[in-house]
Structures are given as C-alpha cells and as structure tokens.
Protein backbone atom coordinates (compact mmCIF):
# COMPACT_ATOMS: atom_id res chain seq x y z
CA MET A 1 12.71 3.96 -17.01
CA ASP A 2 14.85 5.87 -19.80
CA ARG A 3 13.17 8.81 -18.97
CA GLN A 4 13.68 8.70 -15.33
CA LEU A 5 17.42 7.91 -15.82
CA ALA A 6 17.80 10.77 -18.53
CA GLY A 7 20.98 12.81 -17.28
CA TRP A 8 21.85 10.54 -14.36
CA SER A 9 25.10 8.77 -15.26
CA ASP A 10 25.31 6.95 -11.85
CA PRO A 11 21.64 6.67 -10.71
CA ALA A 12 22.39 5.10 -7.32
CA ALA A 13 25.22 7.88 -6.51
CA ARG A 14 22.71 10.59 -7.51
CA LEU A 15 19.83 9.05 -4.94
CA ARG A 16 22.59 8.77 -2.31
CA GLN A 17 23.56 12.38 -2.81
CA ALA A 18 19.66 13.26 -2.81
CA LEU A 19 19.27 11.37 0.70
CA ASP A 20 22.34 12.95 2.38
CA LYS A 21 21.66 16.37 1.28
CA ASP A 22 18.21 16.36 2.13
CA GLU A 23 16.90 17.12 -1.31
CA PHE A 24 13.47 15.58 -1.20
CA VAL A 25 10.37 17.66 -0.27
CA LEU A 26 7.44 16.45 1.73
CA TYR A 27 3.85 17.06 0.82
CA CYS A 28 0.91 15.89 2.51
CA GLN A 29 -2.86 15.23 1.54
CA PRO A 30 -5.11 15.33 4.53
CA ILE A 31 -7.69 12.83 4.87
CA ALA A 32 -11.45 13.83 5.84
CA SER A 33 -13.62 12.31 8.58
CA LEU A 34 -16.94 12.07 7.34
CA ASN A 35 -18.76 11.34 10.21
CA ALA A 36 -16.43 12.62 13.21
CA THR A 37 -14.78 15.75 14.41
CA PRO A 38 -12.15 17.09 13.48
CA ARG A 39 -12.61 17.00 10.07
CA PHE A 40 -9.07 16.18 8.99
CA SER A 41 -7.57 13.81 11.53
CA MET A 42 -4.90 12.28 9.36
CA GLY A 43 -3.23 12.98 6.16
CA GLU A 44 -0.63 11.01 3.52
CA VAL A 45 2.50 11.97 2.95
CA LEU A 46 3.93 12.62 -0.30
CA VAL A 47 7.30 12.86 -1.65
CA ARG A 48 8.70 15.31 -4.17
CA LEU A 49 12.53 15.58 -5.38
CA ARG A 50 14.28 18.81 -6.06
CA GLU A 51 15.82 18.85 -9.32
CA GLU A 52 17.87 22.35 -10.18
CA GLU A 53 16.32 22.50 -13.59
CA LYS A 54 12.78 20.87 -13.28
CA ALA A 55 12.07 22.46 -9.86
CA LEU A 56 10.05 19.43 -8.11
CA LEU A 57 9.84 16.04 -9.71
CA PRO A 58 6.84 14.01 -9.00
CA PRO A 59 7.41 10.40 -7.36
CA GLY A 60 6.73 8.77 -10.93
CA ASP A 61 10.14 10.34 -12.12
CA PHE A 62 12.31 8.89 -9.26
CA LEU A 63 10.50 6.31 -7.54
CA PRO A 64 11.02 3.68 -10.47
CA VAL A 65 14.94 4.45 -10.12
CA PHE A 66 14.87 3.79 -6.53
CA GLU A 67 13.23 0.56 -6.89
CA ALA A 68 15.47 -0.48 -9.83
CA GLN A 69 18.53 0.27 -7.59
CA GLY A 70 16.99 -1.54 -4.77
CA MET A 71 17.18 1.81 -2.73
CA MET A 72 13.39 2.02 -1.55
CA PRO A 73 14.19 1.13 2.31
CA GLN A 74 16.72 3.98 2.49
CA LEU A 75 13.81 6.66 0.89
CA ASP A 76 11.40 5.18 3.22
CA ARG A 77 13.51 5.73 6.34
CA TRP A 78 14.27 9.17 5.17
CA VAL A 79 10.69 10.09 5.05
CA VAL A 80 10.14 8.24 8.30
CA LYS A 81 12.61 10.61 9.94
CA HIS A 82 11.47 13.89 8.86
CA VAL A 83 7.59 13.16 9.39
CA VAL A 84 8.79 12.21 12.90
CA GLU A 85 10.65 15.58 13.00
CA ARG A 86 7.39 17.14 12.09
CA LEU A 87 5.48 15.66 14.38
CA ALA A 88 7.79 16.18 17.22
CA LYS A 89 7.54 20.37 16.27
CA GLY A 90 3.82 19.91 16.86
CA SER A 91 1.23 19.12 14.05
CA ARG A 92 -2.33 20.42 13.28
CA LEU A 93 -2.89 17.01 11.86
CA PRO A 94 -2.39 14.48 14.62
CA ARG A 95 -1.52 11.30 12.22
CA PHE A 96 0.21 10.86 9.24
CA THR A 97 0.14 7.59 6.85
CA ILE A 98 3.36 6.94 5.24
CA ASN A 99 3.73 4.63 2.19
CA VAL A 100 6.19 1.49 2.25
CA SER A 101 7.39 -0.24 -0.49
CA GLY A 102 7.42 -3.97 -1.07
CA GLN A 103 11.14 -3.79 -0.72
CA THR A 104 10.77 -2.29 2.75
CA LEU A 105 8.58 -5.09 3.99
CA HIS A 106 11.55 -7.43 3.57
CA ASP A 107 13.93 -5.18 5.78
CA THR A 108 13.63 -6.98 8.93
CA LYS A 109 15.36 -3.75 10.56
CA PHE A 110 13.01 -1.40 9.56
CA PRO A 111 10.60 -1.60 12.21
CA GLY A 112 13.36 -1.33 15.07
CA PHE A 113 14.50 1.80 13.03
CA VAL A 114 10.80 3.19 13.21
CA ALA A 115 10.54 2.49 17.11
CA GLU A 116 13.87 4.14 17.95
CA THR A 117 13.13 7.16 15.80
CA ILE A 118 9.85 7.71 17.48
CA LYS A 119 11.07 7.09 21.03
CA ALA A 120 13.93 9.50 20.85
CA ALA A 121 11.54 12.12 19.34
CA GLY A 122 9.21 11.62 22.08
CA VAL A 123 6.41 11.08 19.29
CA ALA A 124 3.23 9.02 20.03
CA PRO A 125 3.68 5.77 17.74
CA ALA A 126 -0.01 5.88 17.00
CA SER A 127 0.86 9.19 15.08
CA ILE A 128 2.22 6.85 12.23
CA LEU A 129 0.29 4.69 9.90
CA PHE A 130 1.92 2.90 7.40
CA GLU A 131 0.40 2.22 3.86
CA ILE A 132 1.05 -0.88 2.10
CA ASP A 133 -0.41 -1.37 -1.37
CA GLU A 134 -2.80 -4.41 -1.69
CA SER A 135 -0.55 -5.70 -4.48
CA ASP A 136 2.38 -5.76 -2.11
CA LEU A 137 0.14 -7.45 0.29
CA MET A 138 -1.08 -10.22 -1.98
CA SER A 139 2.21 -11.10 -3.77
CA ARG A 140 4.24 -10.66 -0.41
CA LEU A 141 1.67 -12.02 2.50
CA GLU A 142 4.55 -13.50 4.61
CA ALA A 143 6.72 -10.63 4.59
CA ALA A 144 3.60 -8.06 5.12
CA GLY A 145 2.61 -10.49 8.08
CA ARG A 146 6.14 -9.92 9.62
CA PHE A 147 6.47 -6.31 8.95
CA GLY A 148 2.52 -5.90 10.19
CA ALA A 149 3.22 -7.43 13.65
CA ALA A 150 6.47 -5.62 14.25
CA ILE A 151 5.14 -2.28 13.38
CA LYS A 152 1.89 -2.83 15.34
CA ALA A 153 4.38 -4.13 18.22
CA ALA A 154 6.14 -0.79 18.08
CA GLY A 155 2.69 0.93 18.56
CA CYS A 156 2.32 2.31 14.89
CA GLY A 157 -1.06 1.47 12.83
CA VAL A 158 -1.06 -0.50 9.27
CA LEU A 159 -3.39 0.67 6.32
CA ILE A 160 -3.97 -1.13 3.02
CA ASP A 161 -3.94 0.90 0.08
CA GLY A 162 -5.98 0.31 -3.42
CA PHE A 163 -8.06 -1.97 -1.85
CA GLY A 164 -10.62 -3.87 -4.19
CA ARG A 165 -8.47 -3.12 -7.14
CA ARG A 166 -8.70 -6.80 -7.74
CA SER A 167 -10.92 -9.35 -5.47
CA ALA A 168 -11.61 -7.19 -2.37
CA SER A 169 -10.25 -10.21 -0.33
CA PHE A 170 -10.46 -9.65 3.48
CA ALA A 171 -8.57 -12.88 4.61
CA PRO A 172 -5.09 -11.30 4.37
CA LEU A 173 -6.22 -8.21 6.43
CA LYS A 174 -6.48 -10.53 9.58
CA THR A 175 -2.83 -11.90 8.96
CA VAL A 176 -1.52 -8.09 8.77
CA ARG A 177 -3.87 -6.88 11.74
CA VAL A 178 -4.86 -3.97 9.35
CA ASP A 179 -6.52 -0.63 10.99
CA PHE A 180 -7.72 0.92 7.78
CA ILE A 181 -8.20 -0.08 4.24
CA LYS A 182 -8.25 2.56 1.29
CA VAL A 183 -10.71 1.64 -1.26
CA ASP A 184 -9.39 1.78 -4.72
CA GLY A 185 -10.53 4.64 -6.84
CA SER A 186 -11.45 2.32 -9.54
CA ILE A 187 -14.58 1.59 -7.42
CA VAL A 188 -14.84 5.05 -5.93
CA ARG A 189 -15.11 6.85 -9.26
CA LYS A 190 -18.17 4.73 -10.18
CA LEU A 191 -20.31 5.02 -7.41
CA LEU A 192 -22.76 7.22 -8.95
CA GLY A 193 -23.41 5.31 -11.91
CA ASN A 194 -22.45 1.94 -11.46
CA ASP A 195 -24.48 -0.50 -9.37
CA ALA A 196 -21.72 -3.10 -9.10
CA ALA A 197 -19.45 -0.62 -7.56
CA ARG A 198 -22.00 0.37 -5.12
CA VAL A 199 -22.71 -3.16 -4.06
CA LYS A 200 -18.79 -3.81 -3.77
CA MET A 201 -18.30 -0.67 -1.79
CA SER A 202 -21.36 -1.57 0.55
CA ALA A 203 -20.04 -5.22 1.32
CA ILE A 204 -16.62 -3.56 2.40
CA VAL A 205 -18.11 -1.07 4.64
CA ARG A 206 -20.01 -3.93 6.22
CA VAL A 207 -16.97 -6.40 6.58
CA GLY A 208 -14.98 -3.46 7.81
CA GLU A 209 -17.47 -2.75 10.39
CA THR A 210 -17.38 -6.01 11.57
CA LEU A 211 -13.85 -6.51 11.55
CA GLY A 212 -13.23 -2.92 13.05
CA ILE A 213 -11.25 -1.77 10.09
CA GLY A 214 -11.80 1.84 9.14
CA ILE A 215 -12.60 2.55 5.69
CA VAL A 216 -11.11 5.26 3.45
CA ALA A 217 -12.29 6.30 0.05
CA GLU A 218 -9.72 7.52 -1.91
CA CYS A 219 -9.60 9.52 -5.55
CA VAL A 220 -12.85 11.46 -4.34
CA GLU A 221 -13.17 14.17 -6.96
CA GLU A 222 -16.63 15.11 -6.72
CA GLN A 223 -19.16 16.57 -3.88
CA ASP A 224 -21.96 14.04 -5.22
CA VAL A 225 -19.53 11.14 -4.33
CA LEU A 226 -18.69 12.51 -1.11
CA GLN A 227 -22.25 12.66 -0.12
CA ARG A 228 -22.87 9.11 -1.29
CA LEU A 229 -19.96 7.85 0.78
CA LYS A 230 -21.36 9.64 3.80
CA ALA A 231 -24.58 7.95 3.10
CA MET A 232 -23.17 4.66 2.70
CA GLY A 233 -21.40 4.99 5.90
CA VAL A 234 -18.02 5.35 4.85
CA GLY A 235 -15.72 7.09 7.51
CA TYR A 236 -13.05 8.58 5.40
CA ALA A 237 -12.51 10.30 2.24
CA GLN A 238 -9.38 11.59 0.36
CA GLY A 239 -9.21 13.19 -2.90
CA PHE A 240 -8.58 16.47 -5.18
CA GLY A 241 -12.29 17.04 -4.20
CA VAL A 242 -11.55 17.09 -0.53
CA PHE A 243 -8.26 18.65 -0.33
CA GLN A 244 -5.20 18.82 -2.75
CA PRO A 245 -1.80 17.95 -1.77
CA GLN A 246 0.25 20.97 -0.24
CA PRO A 247 3.69 21.18 1.52
CA ILE A 248 3.51 19.23 5.02
CA GLU A 249 4.61 22.45 6.72
CA LYS A 250 1.67 24.45 5.23
CA VAL A 251 -0.87 21.36 6.31
CA ALA A 252 0.55 20.66 9.56
CA ALA A 253 2.50 23.49 11.16
CA VAL A 254 0.46 24.78 14.20
CA ASN A 255 1.22 28.22 13.46
CA ALA A 256 0.31 27.86 9.49
CA GLY A 257 -2.03 30.15 8.26
C-alpha cells in the first residue's frame, strides 16, 4: 500500500478529486467470439488514472487505495456513467463488461443507479454485463445473489470472472443467475501441456452448455491455445493474443479508423 499512497497526503481527497474532475481514462479489451459473427461482440472495460508526472497509472496502483478508503462504489458508478455515455454515442462493440468490487455488491442503491442511468441515456440494458470476481462471489454469496437479482431485473447481465481458480463450483452460479463465466488464466495457460487443465476446461464447457452459460477463456496469449479453445467448444476468448487493451474511444467509436 505504501507505494500507492506515496505522495498522497490525503488519499480520500485525492480520489474524490479524481472522480469530480474526470481524471480517469477508460480502456477496453475486446473479447472474440470463436464460433459466431461478429468476431468482437463485447469488450471488458478497464480503468486508468491520469497522474501529472506518471501519465496513466494502471489499476494496481490506485484500486487498493480506493478499497482501503471504502470508495469502490463511487468508482464503479463513475465507470458505469461513462460507459453508458459511450454507448449512447454509438458503439462498434454492442456490449461492455464492467467489473464491480466486493464493496459494490453490498451497495443496495447501485442497481437502481444503473437502471436510472441507462434509462436516461436511452441505452439497451442488455448492452452491459457486470463482472463479479469468483472470490467475491464465494465470500459474499448472499450479497452477490441480491446484487445479481437486482441487476438482472434492470435488464443487465452478470459474468463471473476468474472461474475455476479454486474448485470450479457451479452451485453459486444458479444463485446469481449468471450469463457468462470467464475461465481463469491458470487453466487456460496450461491447456496445451496439462491433461488436468484440459479435463477441467472440458467439464466447464459441458456444464456451461447444460446451464445455458456462455464460456469465456481469459489470458489467451498464443494462437495454438486459441485453436484448442475453438476445438473444445469454448465460445469466447480474451487476452493479449486476441486483442490488446486500447482506449475505449479507439475500440468502440463508430467513426474510429
């Protein structure tokens, strides 16, 4: 935490300033459809922070400060507001995934904020998926269930990130009414040389098909892995071997080159 706080005499005030003055920048990493058209039907939204001397700070440098200050719901609201604005302008990507923190899962007013923001902008609710990390799902199952129900009632979708990092339990997915799961990179990276990883991925694909849940493989860095995923029936892939993160305007703007 010391490195993140260096130079910030009042972290809470610095974060409020960043939120009030729109000092964050949205990036996006498109997610490829492996067996459907169009090739890129959605993308994960990523956040950077402008710092005068350091240009753009990656999330690892400021998210822990937000978490320590209990301010993640404010940041998540900022992201929703600006993603909805991007969609309202028109987007080549029809759907975005937005990460929500464990703190936000406990914010009972957040789904209402999402619904009101989407309605005011005239944006289709289905154009937004909310990503919940598997660790937050397992440790905050009751809150995640309430959050998922409220977000689904607003017309948005739910995605579980980092799936399979632990035991790959499917029971909680029914509680939260999940639309997609993103299989953890610890499984995806081993697909070419590890039988246990292939068995685990095959089982996830089979259960996903049974439950009607879309499967996204994350951390895809090699074309051989991409081909293996297609052969295994995985529907979507994300990673530096598919598409590197870019400013959201460059990825999504209708008139972008």
